[in-house]
C-alpha atoms as a PDB file:
ATOM      1  CA  MET A   1      32.560  40.592 -32.550  1.00  0.00           C
ATOM      2  CA  THR A   2      29.541  40.436 -30.282  1.00  0.00           C
ATOM      3  CA  LYS A   3      31.041  38.336 -27.502  1.00  0.00           C
ATOM      4  CA  LYS A   4      29.671  39.105 -24.069  1.00  0.00           C
ATOM      5  CA  THR A   5      31.015  37.975 -20.747  1.00  0.00           C
ATOM      6  CA  GLU A   6      29.163  35.348 -18.781  1.00  0.00           C
ATOM      7  CA  ASP A   7      27.501  37.841 -16.437  1.00  0.00           C
ATOM      8  CA  GLY A   8      26.066  39.837 -19.351  1.00  0.00           C
ATOM      9  CA  SER A   9      28.115  43.014 -18.961  1.00  0.00           C
ATOM     10  CA  SER A  10      30.425  44.354 -21.603  1.00  0.00           C
ATOM     11  CA  ARG A  11      32.854  47.190 -22.053  1.00  0.00           C
ATOM     12  CA  ARG A  12      30.210  49.132 -23.898  1.00  0.00           C
ATOM     13  CA  ASP A  13      27.856  48.867 -20.915  1.00  0.00           C
ATOM     14  CA  PHE A  14      30.626  50.079 -18.654  1.00  0.00           C
ATOM     15  CA  LEU A  15      31.269  53.092 -20.889  1.00  0.00           C
ATOM     16  CA  LYS A  16      27.595  53.949 -21.003  1.00  0.00           C
ATOM     17  CA  LEU A  17      27.441  53.903 -17.233  1.00  0.00           C
ATOM     18  CA  GLY A  18      30.566  56.063 -16.941  1.00  0.00           C
ATOM     19  CA  ALA A  19      29.252  58.596 -19.448  1.00  0.00           C
ATOM     20  CA  SER A  20      25.971  58.971 -17.579  1.00  0.00           C
ATOM     21  CA  ALA A  21      27.463  58.985 -14.083  1.00  0.00           C
ATOM     22  CA  ALA A  22      29.987  61.802 -14.630  1.00  0.00           C
ATOM     23  CA  PRO A  23      27.437  64.607 -15.265  1.00  0.00           C
ATOM     24  CA  VAL A  24      25.351  63.433 -12.308  1.00  0.00           C
ATOM     25  CA  ALA A  25      28.388  63.602 -10.009  1.00  0.00           C
ATOM     26  CA  ALA A  26      29.282  67.085 -11.302  1.00  0.00           C
ATOM     27  CA  ALA A  27      25.738  68.333 -10.784  1.00  0.00           C
ATOM     28  CA  ALA A  28      25.665  66.968  -7.245  1.00  0.00           C
ATOM     29  CA  ALA A  29      28.914  68.717  -6.432  1.00  0.00           C
ATOM     30  CA  MET A  30      27.609  72.024  -7.748  1.00  0.00           C
ATOM     31  CA  LEU A  31      24.286  71.760  -5.949  1.00  0.00           C
ATOM     32  CA  SER A  32      25.864  71.030  -2.580  1.00  0.00           C
ATOM     33  CA  GLY A  33      26.789  74.707  -2.341  1.00  0.00           C
ATOM     34  CA  THR A  34      29.467  74.282   0.321  1.00  0.00           C
ATOM     35  CA  LYS A  35      32.537  76.441   0.071  1.00  0.00           C
ATOM     36  CA  ALA A  36      35.607  76.123   2.203  1.00  0.00           C
ATOM     37  CA  GLU A  37      36.824  79.247   3.903  1.00  0.00           C
ATOM     38  CA  ALA A  38      40.336  80.549   3.270  1.00  0.00           C
ATOM     39  CA  ALA A  39      42.853  79.930   6.053  1.00  0.00           C
ATOM     40  CA  GLU A  40      44.773  82.541   7.949  1.00  0.00           C
ATOM     41  CA  PRO A  41      48.222  83.057   6.395  1.00  0.00           C
ATOM     42  CA  ASP A  42      51.201  81.395   8.091  1.00  0.00           C
ATOM     43  CA  LEU A  43      53.916  84.049   7.954  1.00  0.00           C
ATOM     44  CA  THR A  44      56.716  81.549   8.694  1.00  0.00           C
ATOM     45  CA  SER A  45      56.030  79.506   5.554  1.00  0.00           C
ATOM     46  CA  THR A  46      57.566  80.292   2.183  1.00  0.00           C
ATOM     47  CA  LYS A  47      55.061  78.222   0.177  1.00  0.00           C
ATOM     48  CA  MET A  48      51.976  79.523  -1.543  1.00  0.00           C
ATOM     49  CA  GLN A  49      49.076  79.487   0.902  1.00  0.00           C
ATOM     50  CA  ASP A  50      45.329  79.226   0.584  1.00  0.00           C
ATOM     51  CA  THR A  51      44.205  82.734   1.553  1.00  0.00           C
ATOM     52  CA  ALA A  52      41.384  85.035   0.441  1.00  0.00           C
ATOM     53  CA  HIS A  53      43.917  86.973  -1.686  1.00  0.00           C
ATOM     54  CA  THR A  54      45.148  83.893  -3.579  1.00  0.00           C
ATOM     55  CA  ARG A  55      41.594  82.627  -4.070  1.00  0.00           C
ATOM     56  CA  ALA A  56      40.562  86.001  -5.524  1.00  0.00           C
ATOM     57  CA  TYR A  57      43.526  85.973  -7.882  1.00  0.00           C
ATOM     58  CA  LEU A  58      42.901  82.394  -9.044  1.00  0.00           C
ATOM     59  CA  GLU A  59      39.220  83.162  -9.564  1.00  0.00           C
ATOM     60  CA  SER A  60      40.003  86.223 -11.685  1.00  0.00           C
ATOM     61  CA  ALA A  61      42.573  84.273 -13.761  1.00  0.00           C
ATOM     62  CA  ARG A  62      39.952  81.708 -14.887  1.00  0.00           C
ATOM     63  CA  PHE A  63      38.536  81.957 -18.359  1.00  0.00           C
END
């Protein structure tokens, strides 16, 4: 049950690395502080667009 590969790494080592790297990546994304601005609406399109109005709605719908 304790077989290791020849280079010394195992699945358990990989999972430990993944578990510690995910919070670091999330913290780095939050600390960057950059926010994209909403685009001007394209009145010829029928699809949902990224505007200040839709961002405000989606922000208020979070819980």
